[in-house]
All heavy atoms as atom14 arrays in JSON, in Angstrom:
{
  "sequence": "ADPCVDFYRYACGGWQQNNPLPPDQASWDVYSKLHEENLRFLWGLLA",
  "atom14_mask": [
    [1, 1, 1, 1, 1, 0, 0, 0, 0, 0, 0, 0, 0, 0],
    [1, 1, 1, 1, 1, 1, 1, 1, 0, 0, 0, 0, 0, 0],
    [1, 1, 1, 1, 1, 1, 1, 0, 0, 0, 0, 0, 0, 0],
    [1, 1, 1, 1, 1, 1, 0, 0, 0, 0, 0, 0, 0, 0],
    [1, 1, 1, 1, 1, 1, 1, 0, 0, 0, 0, 0, 0, 0],
    [1, 1, 1, 1, 1, 1, 1, 1, 0, 0, 0, 0, 0, 0],
    [1, 1, 1, 1, 1, 1, 1, 1, 1, 1, 1, 0, 0, 0],
    [1, 1, 1, 1, 1, 1, 1, 1, 1, 1, 1, 1, 0, 0],
    [1, 1, 1, 1, 1, 1, 1, 1, 1, 1, 1, 0, 0, 0],
    [1, 1, 1, 1, 1, 1, 1, 1, 1, 1, 1, 1, 0, 0],
    [1, 1, 1, 1, 1, 0, 0, 0, 0, 0, 0, 0, 0, 0],
    [1, 1, 1, 1, 1, 1, 0, 0, 0, 0, 0, 0, 0, 0],
    [1, 1, 1, 1, 0, 0, 0, 0, 0, 0, 0, 0, 0, 0],
    [1, 1, 1, 1, 0, 0, 0, 0, 0, 0, 0, 0, 0, 0],
    [1, 1, 1, 1, 1, 1, 1, 1, 1, 1, 1, 1, 1, 1],
    [1, 1, 1, 1, 1, 1, 1, 1, 1, 0, 0, 0, 0, 0],
    [1, 1, 1, 1, 1, 1, 1, 1, 1, 0, 0, 0, 0, 0],
    [1, 1, 1, 1, 1, 1, 1, 1, 0, 0, 0, 0, 0, 0],
    [1, 1, 1, 1, 1, 1, 1, 1, 0, 0, 0, 0, 0, 0],
    [1, 1, 1, 1, 1, 1, 1, 0, 0, 0, 0, 0, 0, 0],
    [1, 1, 1, 1, 1, 1, 1, 1, 0, 0, 0, 0, 0, 0],
    [1, 1, 1, 1, 1, 1, 1, 0, 0, 0, 0, 0, 0, 0],
    [1, 1, 1, 1, 1, 1, 1, 0, 0, 0, 0, 0, 0, 0],
    [1, 1, 1, 1, 1, 1, 1, 1, 0, 0, 0, 0, 0, 0],
    [1, 1, 1, 1, 1, 1, 1, 1, 1, 0, 0, 0, 0, 0],
    [1, 1, 1, 1, 1, 0, 0, 0, 0, 0, 0, 0, 0, 0],
    [1, 1, 1, 1, 1, 1, 0, 0, 0, 0, 0, 0, 0, 0],
    [1, 1, 1, 1, 1, 1, 1, 1, 1, 1, 1, 1, 1, 1],
    [1, 1, 1, 1, 1, 1, 1, 1, 0, 0, 0, 0, 0, 0],
    [1, 1, 1, 1, 1, 1, 1, 0, 0, 0, 0, 0, 0, 0],
    [1, 1, 1, 1, 1, 1, 1, 1, 1, 1, 1, 1, 0, 0],
    [1, 1, 1, 1, 1, 1, 0, 0, 0, 0, 0, 0, 0, 0],
    [1, 1, 1, 1, 1, 1, 1, 1, 1, 0, 0, 0, 0, 0],
    [1, 1, 1, 1, 1, 1, 1, 1, 0, 0, 0, 0, 0, 0],
    [1, 1, 1, 1, 1, 1, 1, 1, 1, 1, 0, 0, 0, 0],
    [1, 1, 1, 1, 1, 1, 1, 1, 1, 0, 0, 0, 0, 0],
    [1, 1, 1, 1, 1, 1, 1, 1, 1, 0, 0, 0, 0, 0],
    [1, 1, 1, 1, 1, 1, 1, 1, 0, 0, 0, 0, 0, 0],
    [1, 1, 1, 1, 1, 1, 1, 1, 0, 0, 0, 0, 0, 0],
    [1, 1, 1, 1, 1, 1, 1, 1, 1, 1, 1, 0, 0, 0],
    [1, 1, 1, 1, 1, 1, 1, 1, 1, 1, 1, 0, 0, 0],
    [1, 1, 1, 1, 1, 1, 1, 1, 0, 0, 0, 0, 0, 0],
    [1, 1, 1, 1, 1, 1, 1, 1, 1, 1, 1, 1, 1, 1],
    [1, 1, 1, 1, 0, 0, 0, 0, 0, 0, 0, 0, 0, 0],
    [1, 1, 1, 1, 1, 1, 1, 1, 0, 0, 0, 0, 0, 0],
    [1, 1, 1, 1, 1, 1, 1, 1, 0, 0, 0, 0, 0, 0],
    [1, 1, 1, 1, 1, 0, 0, 0, 0, 0, 0, 0, 0, 0]
  ],
  "atom14_positions": [
    [[0.83, -1.21, 0.01], [-0.01, 0.0, 0.0], [0.88, 1.24, 0.02], [1.95, 1.26, 0.6], [-0.93, 0.0, 1.21], [0.0, 0.0, 0.0], [0.0, 0.0, 0.0], [0.0, 0.0, 0.0], [0.0, 0.0, 0.0], [0.0, 0.0, 0.0], [0.0, 0.0, 0.0], [0.0, 0.0, 0.0], [0.0, 0.0, 0.0], [0.0, 0.0, 0.0]],
    [[0.39, 2.27, -0.66], [1.08, 3.56, -0.69], [0.64, 4.37, 0.54], [-0.53, 4.7, 0.66], [0.74, 4.3, -1.96], [1.53, 5.6, -2.14], [2.07, 6.11, -1.13], [1.57, 6.13, -3.26], [0.0, 0.0, 0.0], [0.0, 0.0, 0.0], [0.0, 0.0, 0.0], [0.0, 0.0, 0.0], [0.0, 0.0, 0.0], [0.0, 0.0, 0.0]],
    [[1.55, 4.7, 1.46], [1.15, 5.44, 2.65], [0.55, 6.81, 2.34], [-0.19, 7.37, 3.16], [2.45, 5.57, 3.45], [3.54, 5.4, 2.48], [3.0, 4.43, 1.44], [0.0, 0.0, 0.0], [0.0, 0.0, 0.0], [0.0, 0.0, 0.0], [0.0, 0.0, 0.0], [0.0, 0.0, 0.0], [0.0, 0.0, 0.0], [0.0, 0.0, 0.0]],
    [[0.86, 7.35, 1.17], [0.31, 8.65, 0.77], [-1.09, 8.54, 0.2], [-1.76, 9.56, 0.04], [1.25, 9.34, -0.23], [2.9, 9.64, 0.4], [0.0, 0.0, 0.0], [0.0, 0.0, 0.0], [0.0, 0.0, 0.0], [0.0, 0.0, 0.0], [0.0, 0.0, 0.0], [0.0, 0.0, 0.0], [0.0, 0.0, 0.0], [0.0, 0.0, 0.0]],
    [[-1.52, 7.34, -0.1], [-2.87, 7.09, -0.64], [-3.82, 6.61, 0.49], [-4.94, 7.09, 0.61], [-2.83, 6.09, -1.79], [-4.24, 5.71, -2.25], [-2.01, 6.67, -2.95], [0.0, 0.0, 0.0], [0.0, 0.0, 0.0], [0.0, 0.0, 0.0], [0.0, 0.0, 0.0], [0.0, 0.0, 0.0], [0.0, 0.0, 0.0], [0.0, 0.0, 0.0]],
    [[-3.34, 5.65, 1.26], [-4.16, 5.12, 2.38], [-3.19, 4.69, 3.45], [-2.72, 3.57, 3.49], [-4.99, 3.94, 1.89], [-5.96, 3.42, 2.96], [-5.81, 3.8, 4.14], [-6.84, 2.6, 2.62], [0.0, 0.0, 0.0], [0.0, 0.0, 0.0], [0.0, 0.0, 0.0], [0.0, 0.0, 0.0], [0.0, 0.0, 0.0], [0.0, 0.0, 0.0]],
    [[-2.88, 5.62, 4.37], [-1.9, 5.32, 5.4], [-2.4, 4.22, 6.34], [-1.61, 3.41, 6.83], [-1.57, 6.59, 6.2], [-0.51, 6.37, 7.23], [0.76, 5.89, 6.86], [-0.73, 6.63, 8.58], [1.74, 5.68, 7.82], [0.23, 6.41, 9.54], [1.48, 5.94, 9.16], [0.0, 0.0, 0.0], [0.0, 0.0, 0.0], [0.0, 0.0, 0.0]],
    [[-3.69, 4.2, 6.6], [-4.23, 3.18, 7.5], [-3.95, 1.77, 6.93], [-3.53, 0.88, 7.66], [-5.73, 3.38, 7.69], [-6.37, 2.38, 8.63], [-6.29, 2.56, 10.02], [-7.05, 1.27, 8.16], [-6.85, 1.65, 10.9], [-7.63, 0.36, 9.03], [-7.54, 0.55, 10.39], [-8.1, -0.35, 11.25], [0.0, 0.0, 0.0], [0.0, 0.0, 0.0]],
    [[-4.18, 1.6, 5.67], [-3.9, 0.27, 5.05], [-2.42, -0.04, 5.11], [-2.03, -1.18, 5.39], [-4.4, 0.27, 3.62], [-4.17, -1.09, 2.92], [-4.59, -1.06, 1.46], [-3.99, -2.2, 0.76], [-3.91, -2.26, -0.57], [-4.42, -1.3, -1.33], [-3.38, -3.34, -1.14], [0.0, 0.0, 0.0], [0.0, 0.0, 0.0], [0.0, 0.0, 0.0]],
    [[-1.57, 0.96, 4.88], [-0.13, 0.74, 4.94], [0.29, 0.3, 6.34], [1.08, -0.64, 6.49], [0.59, 2.02, 4.56], [2.09, 1.98, 4.78], [2.94, 1.38, 3.84], [2.67, 2.54, 5.92], [4.32, 1.35, 4.05], [4.04, 2.5, 6.15], [4.86, 1.89, 5.21], [6.22, 1.85, 5.41], [0.0, 0.0, 0.0], [0.0, 0.0, 0.0]],
    [[-0.24, 0.96, 7.37], [0.17, 0.66, 8.74], [-0.51, -0.57, 9.3], [0.07, -1.25, 10.16], [-0.17, 1.88, 9.64], [0.0, 0.0, 0.0], [0.0, 0.0, 0.0], [0.0, 0.0, 0.0], [0.0, 0.0, 0.0], [0.0, 0.0, 0.0], [0.0, 0.0, 0.0], [0.0, 0.0, 0.0], [0.0, 0.0, 0.0], [0.0, 0.0, 0.0]],
    [[-1.69, -0.91, 8.8], [-2.51, -1.95, 9.46], [-2.95, -3.08, 8.54], [-3.58, -4.04, 9.01], [-3.77, -1.32, 10.05], [-3.44, -0.22, 11.45], [0.0, 0.0, 0.0], [0.0, 0.0, 0.0], [0.0, 0.0, 0.0], [0.0, 0.0, 0.0], [0.0, 0.0, 0.0], [0.0, 0.0, 0.0], [0.0, 0.0, 0.0], [0.0, 0.0, 0.0]],
    [[-2.63, -3.01, 7.28], [-3.11, -4.04, 6.35], [-2.66, -5.43, 6.72], [-3.41, -6.4, 6.62], [0.0, 0.0, 0.0], [0.0, 0.0, 0.0], [0.0, 0.0, 0.0], [0.0, 0.0, 0.0], [0.0, 0.0, 0.0], [0.0, 0.0, 0.0], [0.0, 0.0, 0.0], [0.0, 0.0, 0.0], [0.0, 0.0, 0.0], [0.0, 0.0, 0.0]],
    [[-1.41, -5.57, 7.16], [-0.91, -6.89, 7.59], [-1.63, -7.36, 8.83], [-1.94, -8.55, 8.97], [0.0, 0.0, 0.0], [0.0, 0.0, 0.0], [0.0, 0.0, 0.0], [0.0, 0.0, 0.0], [0.0, 0.0, 0.0], [0.0, 0.0, 0.0], [0.0, 0.0, 0.0], [0.0, 0.0, 0.0], [0.0, 0.0, 0.0], [0.0, 0.0, 0.0]],
    [[-1.88, -6.45, 9.76], [-2.61, -6.79, 10.98], [-4.01, -7.32, 10.66], [-4.46, -8.3, 11.2], [-2.69, -5.58, 11.9], [-3.18, -5.91, 13.3], [-2.4, -6.13, 14.4], [-4.54, -6.08, 13.71], [-3.21, -6.43, 15.48], [-4.5, -6.41, 15.09], [-5.78, -6.01, 13.08], [-5.67, -6.64, 15.83], [-6.93, -6.26, 13.82], [-6.87, -6.56, 15.19]],
    [[-4.67, -6.65, 9.74], [-6.03, -7.06, 9.38], [-6.04, -8.46, 8.76], [-6.93, -9.26, 9.02], [-6.63, -6.04, 8.4], [-6.93, -4.71, 9.02], [-7.48, -3.7, 8.04], [-6.89, -3.43, 7.0], [-8.67, -3.15, 8.33], [0.0, 0.0, 0.0], [0.0, 0.0, 0.0], [0.0, 0.0, 0.0], [0.0, 0.0, 0.0], [0.0, 0.0, 0.0]],
    [[-5.05, -8.75, 7.97], [-4.96, -10.09, 7.37], [-4.7, -11.15, 8.43], [-5.26, -12.24, 8.4], [-3.83, -10.13, 6.34], [-4.27, -9.85, 4.92], [-3.22, -10.34, 3.93], [-2.03, -10.26, 4.18], [-3.67, -10.89, 2.81], [0.0, 0.0, 0.0], [0.0, 0.0, 0.0], [0.0, 0.0, 0.0], [0.0, 0.0, 0.0], [0.0, 0.0, 0.0]],
    [[-3.83, -10.83, 9.37], [-3.38, -11.82, 10.35], [-4.29, -11.95, 11.55], [-4.08, -12.84, 12.38], [-1.97, -11.44, 10.84], [-0.94, -11.47, 9.71], [-1.05, -12.24, 8.77], [0.06, -10.63, 9.83], [0.0, 0.0, 0.0], [0.0, 0.0, 0.0], [0.0, 0.0, 0.0], [0.0, 0.0, 0.0], [0.0, 0.0, 0.0], [0.0, 0.0, 0.0]],
    [[-5.3, -11.09, 11.65], [-6.15, -11.08, 12.85], [-7.64, -11.04, 12.46], [-8.32, -10.03, 12.64], [-5.82, -9.86, 13.72], [-4.45, -9.97, 14.36], [-4.29, -10.55, 15.41], [-3.45, -9.43, 13.67], [0.0, 0.0, 0.0], [0.0, 0.0, 0.0], [0.0, 0.0, 0.0], [0.0, 0.0, 0.0], [0.0, 0.0, 0.0], [0.0, 0.0, 0.0]],
    [[-8.14, -12.14, 11.93], [-9.55, -12.17, 11.59], [-10.44, -12.06, 12.81], [-10.01, -12.33, 13.93], [-9.72, -13.55, 10.91], [-8.62, -14.37, 11.49], [-7.48, -13.43, 11.69], [0.0, 0.0, 0.0], [0.0, 0.0, 0.0], [0.0, 0.0, 0.0], [0.0, 0.0, 0.0], [0.0, 0.0, 0.0], [0.0, 0.0, 0.0], [0.0, 0.0, 0.0]],
    [[-11.68, -11.67, 12.58], [-12.62, -11.47, 13.67], [-12.91, -12.79, 14.38], [-13.37, -13.75, 13.76], [-13.93, -10.9, 13.12], [-14.03, -9.39, 13.02], [-15.12, -8.98, 12.04], [-14.36, -8.8, 14.4], [0.0, 0.0, 0.0], [0.0, 0.0, 0.0], [0.0, 0.0, 0.0], [0.0, 0.0, 0.0], [0.0, 0.0, 0.0], [0.0, 0.0, 0.0]],
    [[-12.73, -12.86, 15.69], [-13.18, -14.02, 16.44], [-14.73, -14.06, 16.39], [-15.38, -13.02, 16.33], [-12.68, -13.77, 17.88], [-11.58, -12.78, 17.71], [-11.96, -11.93, 16.54], [0.0, 0.0, 0.0], [0.0, 0.0, 0.0], [0.0, 0.0, 0.0], [0.0, 0.0, 0.0], [0.0, 0.0, 0.0], [0.0, 0.0, 0.0], [0.0, 0.0, 0.0]],
    [[-15.31, -15.24, 16.47], [-16.78, -15.35, 16.32], [-17.54, -14.69, 17.5], [-18.73, -14.39, 17.32], [-17.03, -16.84, 16.27], [-15.83, -17.47, 16.9], [-14.68, -16.58, 16.56], [0.0, 0.0, 0.0], [0.0, 0.0, 0.0], [0.0, 0.0, 0.0], [0.0, 0.0, 0.0], [0.0, 0.0, 0.0], [0.0, 0.0, 0.0], [0.0, 0.0, 0.0]],
    [[-16.88, -14.45, 18.65], [-17.6, -13.85, 19.78], [-17.34, -12.35, 19.88], [-17.63, -11.75, 20.91], [-17.23, -14.54, 21.08], [-15.79, -14.27, 21.52], [-14.96, -13.94, 20.64], [-15.48, -14.39, 22.7], [0.0, 0.0, 0.0], [0.0, 0.0, 0.0], [0.0, 0.0, 0.0], [0.0, 0.0, 0.0], [0.0, 0.0, 0.0], [0.0, 0.0, 0.0]],
    [[-16.82, -11.74, 18.79], [-16.51, -10.3, 18.82], [-17.23, -9.59, 17.68], [-17.3, -10.09, 16.56], [-14.99, -10.09, 18.67], [-14.14, -10.75, 19.73], [-14.24, -10.04, 21.08], [-14.48, -8.83, 21.15], [-14.04, -10.81, 22.14], [0.0, 0.0, 0.0], [0.0, 0.0, 0.0], [0.0, 0.0, 0.0], [0.0, 0.0, 0.0], [0.0, 0.0, 0.0]],
    [[-17.74, -8.39, 17.98], [-18.34, -7.53, 16.95], [-17.25, -6.78, 16.18], [-17.38, -6.5, 15.0], [-19.32, -6.54, 17.57], [0.0, 0.0, 0.0], [0.0, 0.0, 0.0], [0.0, 0.0, 0.0], [0.0, 0.0, 0.0], [0.0, 0.0, 0.0], [0.0, 0.0, 0.0], [0.0, 0.0, 0.0], [0.0, 0.0, 0.0], [0.0, 0.0, 0.0]],
    [[-16.18, -6.45, 16.9], [-15.01, -5.84, 16.29], [-13.77, -6.39, 16.98], [-13.85, -6.82, 18.12], [-15.06, -4.3, 16.39], [-15.08, -3.91, 17.76], [0.0, 0.0, 0.0], [0.0, 0.0, 0.0], [0.0, 0.0, 0.0], [0.0, 0.0, 0.0], [0.0, 0.0, 0.0], [0.0, 0.0, 0.0], [0.0, 0.0, 0.0], [0.0, 0.0, 0.0]],
    [[-12.68, -6.34, 16.3], [-11.44, -6.91, 16.84], [-10.3, -5.97, 16.47], [-10.02, -5.73, 15.3], [-11.2, -8.31, 16.22], [-10.09, -9.11, 16.82], [-9.01, -9.62, 16.17], [-9.99, -9.55, 18.18], [-8.23, -10.33, 17.02], [-8.82, -10.32, 18.26], [-10.76, -9.38, 19.33], [-8.39, -10.91, 19.46], [-10.35, -9.94, 20.53], [-9.18, -10.71, 20.58]],
    [[-9.71, -5.36, 17.49], [-8.67, -4.39, 17.25], [-7.58, -4.55, 18.26], [-7.59, -5.45, 19.11], [-9.25, -2.98, 17.23], [-10.0, -2.63, 18.52], [-9.64, -3.15, 19.58], [-10.96, -1.83, 18.46], [0.0, 0.0, 0.0], [0.0, 0.0, 0.0], [0.0, 0.0, 0.0], [0.0, 0.0, 0.0], [0.0, 0.0, 0.0], [0.0, 0.0, 0.0]],
    [[-6.61, -3.67, 18.19], [-5.47, -3.74, 19.1], [-5.92, -3.65, 20.55], [-5.43, -4.37, 21.41], [-4.47, -2.64, 18.75], [-3.38, -2.52, 19.8], [-3.83, -2.92, 17.39], [0.0, 0.0, 0.0], [0.0, 0.0, 0.0], [0.0, 0.0, 0.0], [0.0, 0.0, 0.0], [0.0, 0.0, 0.0], [0.0, 0.0, 0.0], [0.0, 0.0, 0.0]],
    [[-6.83, -2.74, 20.81], [-7.33, -2.57, 22.17], [-8.07, -3.8, 22.66], [-7.86, -4.28, 23.77], [-8.23, -1.34, 22.24], [-7.49, -0.07, 22.5], [-6.59, 0.46, 21.56], [-7.65, 0.66, 23.69], [-5.91, 1.62, 21.81], [-6.97, 1.83, 23.93], [-6.09, 2.32, 22.98], [-5.41, 3.48, 23.22], [0.0, 0.0, 0.0], [0.0, 0.0, 0.0]],
    [[-8.98, -4.32, 21.85], [-9.76, -5.48, 22.28], [-8.86, -6.73, 22.39], [-9.14, -7.58, 23.24], [-10.94, -5.75, 21.32], [-10.5, -5.92, 19.99], [0.0, 0.0, 0.0], [0.0, 0.0, 0.0], [0.0, 0.0, 0.0], [0.0, 0.0, 0.0], [0.0, 0.0, 0.0], [0.0, 0.0, 0.0], [0.0, 0.0, 0.0], [0.0, 0.0, 0.0]],
    [[-7.83, -6.78, 21.6], [-6.94, -7.94, 21.69], [-6.13, -7.87, 22.99], [-5.96, -8.89, 23.68], [-6.02, -7.97, 20.48], [-5.44, -9.36, 20.2], [-4.69, -9.37, 18.88], [-4.13, -10.78, 18.62], [-3.22, -10.8, 17.46], [0.0, 0.0, 0.0], [0.0, 0.0, 0.0], [0.0, 0.0, 0.0], [0.0, 0.0, 0.0], [0.0, 0.0, 0.0]],
    [[-5.64, -6.7, 23.35], [-4.95, -6.57, 24.63], [-5.93, -6.79, 25.78], [-5.58, -7.41, 26.79], [-4.32, -5.17, 24.74], [-3.6, -4.84, 26.05], [-2.51, -5.86, 26.36], [-3.02, -3.44, 26.0], [0.0, 0.0, 0.0], [0.0, 0.0, 0.0], [0.0, 0.0, 0.0], [0.0, 0.0, 0.0], [0.0, 0.0, 0.0], [0.0, 0.0, 0.0]],
    [[-7.16, -6.3, 25.63], [-8.19, -6.52, 26.64], [-8.43, -8.03, 26.83], [-8.58, -8.51, 27.95], [-9.5, -5.83, 26.21], [-10.65, -6.12, 27.1], [-10.71, -5.73, 28.41], [-11.83, -6.77, 26.85], [-11.87, -6.11, 28.94], [-12.56, -6.76, 28.01], [0.0, 0.0, 0.0], [0.0, 0.0, 0.0], [0.0, 0.0, 0.0], [0.0, 0.0, 0.0]],
    [[-8.44, -8.76, 25.72], [-8.61, -10.23, 25.79], [-7.48, -10.88, 26.58], [-7.71, -11.75, 27.41], [-8.64, -10.81, 24.37], [-8.68, -12.31, 24.29], [-10.09, -12.86, 24.23], [-11.05, -12.08, 24.25], [-10.22, -14.08, 24.12], [0.0, 0.0, 0.0], [0.0, 0.0, 0.0], [0.0, 0.0, 0.0], [0.0, 0.0, 0.0], [0.0, 0.0, 0.0]],
    [[-6.26, -10.41, 26.36], [-5.13, -10.97, 27.11], [-5.23, -10.62, 28.59], [-4.96, -11.46, 29.46], [-3.82, -10.45, 26.53], [-3.57, -10.89, 25.11], [-3.68, -12.39, 24.94], [-3.19, -13.15, 25.8], [-4.28, -12.84, 23.96], [0.0, 0.0, 0.0], [0.0, 0.0, 0.0], [0.0, 0.0, 0.0], [0.0, 0.0, 0.0], [0.0, 0.0, 0.0]],
    [[-5.65, -9.39, 28.89], [-5.87, -9.03, 30.29], [-6.93, -9.91, 30.94], [-6.79, -10.34, 32.09], [-6.28, -7.55, 30.4], [-5.11, -6.62, 30.2], [-3.96, -7.03, 30.09], [-5.39, -5.33, 30.13], [0.0, 0.0, 0.0], [0.0, 0.0, 0.0], [0.0, 0.0, 0.0], [0.0, 0.0, 0.0], [0.0, 0.0, 0.0], [0.0, 0.0, 0.0]],
    [[-8.02, -10.17, 30.18], [-9.06, -11.06, 30.73], [-8.53, -12.45, 31.02], [-8.84, -13.04, 32.03], [-10.23, -11.13, 29.74], [-11.11, -9.89, 29.56], [-12.19, -10.16, 28.52], [-11.74, -9.45, 30.88], [0.0, 0.0, 0.0], [0.0, 0.0, 0.0], [0.0, 0.0, 0.0], [0.0, 0.0, 0.0], [0.0, 0.0, 0.0], [0.0, 0.0, 0.0]],
    [[-7.72, -12.97, 30.11], [-7.19, -14.33, 30.32], [-6.24, -14.36, 31.51], [-6.18, -15.36, 32.23], [-6.45, -14.8, 29.05], [-7.41, -15.17, 27.93], [-6.68, -15.72, 26.7], [-7.65, -16.06, 25.69], [-8.31, -17.2, 25.62], [-8.05, -18.13, 26.51], [-9.18, -17.42, 24.66], [0.0, 0.0, 0.0], [0.0, 0.0, 0.0], [0.0, 0.0, 0.0]],
    [[-5.5, -13.29, 31.69], [-4.62, -13.22, 32.86], [-5.43, -13.12, 34.14], [-5.18, -13.81, 35.14], [-3.68, -12.03, 32.73], [-2.74, -11.87, 33.88], [-1.73, -12.8, 34.11], [-2.86, -10.8, 34.75], [-0.86, -12.66, 35.18], [-2.02, -10.66, 35.82], [-1.01, -11.57, 36.06], [0.0, 0.0, 0.0], [0.0, 0.0, 0.0], [0.0, 0.0, 0.0]],
    [[-6.48, -12.29, 34.13], [-7.37, -12.17, 35.28], [-8.09, -13.49, 35.54], [-8.36, -13.85, 36.71], [-8.39, -11.06, 35.06], [-7.81, -9.63, 35.04], [-8.9, -8.63, 34.6], [-7.28, -9.25, 36.41], [0.0, 0.0, 0.0], [0.0, 0.0, 0.0], [0.0, 0.0, 0.0], [0.0, 0.0, 0.0], [0.0, 0.0, 0.0], [0.0, 0.0, 0.0]],
    [[-8.44, -14.21, 34.5], [-9.07, -15.53, 34.63], [-8.18, -16.43, 35.5], [-8.67, -17.11, 36.41], [-9.3, -16.11, 33.24], [-9.91, -17.48, 33.18], [-10.56, -18.15, 34.19], [-9.89, -18.36, 32.05], [-10.98, -19.39, 33.76], [-10.6, -19.54, 32.44], [-9.4, -18.26, 30.77], [-10.78, -20.62, 31.59], [-9.59, -19.32, 29.89], [-10.28, -20.5, 30.3]],
    [[-6.89, -16.45, 35.21], [-5.98, -17.25, 36.01], [-5.97, -16.82, 37.46], [-5.97, -17.67, 38.38], [0.0, 0.0, 0.0], [0.0, 0.0, 0.0], [0.0, 0.0, 0.0], [0.0, 0.0, 0.0], [0.0, 0.0, 0.0], [0.0, 0.0, 0.0], [0.0, 0.0, 0.0], [0.0, 0.0, 0.0], [0.0, 0.0, 0.0], [0.0, 0.0, 0.0]],
    [[-5.93, -15.51, 37.68], [-5.94, -15.0, 39.07], [-7.22, -15.4, 39.8], [-7.21, -15.81, 40.96], [-5.78, -13.48, 39.07], [-4.48, -12.9, 38.49], [-4.53, -11.39, 38.54], [-3.26, -13.42, 39.26], [0.0, 0.0, 0.0], [0.0, 0.0, 0.0], [0.0, 0.0, 0.0], [0.0, 0.0, 0.0], [0.0, 0.0, 0.0], [0.0, 0.0, 0.0]],
    [[-8.36, -15.28, 39.09], [-9.65, -15.59, 39.72], [-9.82, -17.08, 39.93], [-10.38, -17.51, 40.96], [-10.79, -15.03, 38.85], [-10.95, -13.51, 38.9], [-11.92, -13.04, 37.82], [-11.42, -13.07, 40.27], [0.0, 0.0, 0.0], [0.0, 0.0, 0.0], [0.0, 0.0, 0.0], [0.0, 0.0, 0.0], [0.0, 0.0, 0.0], [0.0, 0.0, 0.0]],
    [[-9.36, -17.88, 38.99], [-9.45, -19.33, 39.18], [-8.67, -19.77, 40.4], [-9.09, -20.64, 41.18], [-8.95, -20.05, 37.93], [0.0, 0.0, 0.0], [0.0, 0.0, 0.0], [0.0, 0.0, 0.0], [0.0, 0.0, 0.0], [0.0, 0.0, 0.0], [0.0, 0.0, 0.0], [0.0, 0.0, 0.0], [0.0, 0.0, 0.0], [0.0, 0.0, 0.0]]
  ]
}
């Protein structure tokens, strides 16, 4: 991608390919992915 045409695609196109939407998510992004990891870590603490 040309960053001068679509910078978002240039910066994130690989991420979008490598991170398809999980079936239990309406959207899947960097924040929600880190949130998921935090939840899994908290799961261990709570268990």
